[in-house]
Structures are given as C-alpha cells and as structure tokens.
Amino acid sequence: MISYFVRYDGSAADPEEFLGRYRTQHADILHEFEGIQGLVLHTPARWQDPFDITAGRSSLVAQMTFDSETALTAALQSPARVKARDDFQKFPDFKRVVTHQAMKSENLF
C-alpha cells in the first residue's frame, strides 16, 4: 500500500472553516482521484510526553491511500488532481507550509 500525505504546517485564519471546507468540498474532489482507496484526516490531539521532544506544528495531515505507486502516479496526473489544486486556491487564508510526500506502508504489528 502507498500513502500520500499532505501536511499543513501552520494555521488558518479560521481553522473551523478551513477544516469544514476540506471535509466537504475538497474531500469530494479527492474522492474522484483514480484508484484512491481512502482518505484519513489527522488533526491535533492534546498529549503530553515526559521526554524532551520537538512537537510537530501540523494543523492537518491528509492521508490518501492507493494500491501501488502506479495507482498514485495515475491519480496525480488525473484531471481530478488539477481540480483539487484549483479548489485549494479558494480555501480560507492559511499561513502555511504545505508539504506532499508518498510513503510505502509496512505493518509490523
């Protein structure tokens, strides 16, 4: 399995509006990606670690899953990808660094 992660580090002017749009309109477009098997949205949770660590700053991590690298490549070259990129330009203001990364999954337990 291949996961394609889109990480939103930073904050939106209106976080609820940003996430609401992502959950509805944007997710509908992502659902059109050829070969997509699923979409999981990860949002911050409260937690404490007793060790000195560097905490992440992501306000949203979107995880899309595909059967293979070939399926991901087809999705990224599809008209739905162009539509998703165009849609993101209509999102509420987000002071951001947005990164994209594909990763292979390996279940250990």
Foldseek 3Di string as FASTA:
>chain_A
DKKKKKFWFFFFPDRVQQVVCCVPVLVVLLVPQQQWDDKDKDADDDDDDPDDDDDGRTRIMIIIDGPDPVSVVSRCPDPSVVVSVVVVVVGGGTPTDIDIDMDDDDDPD
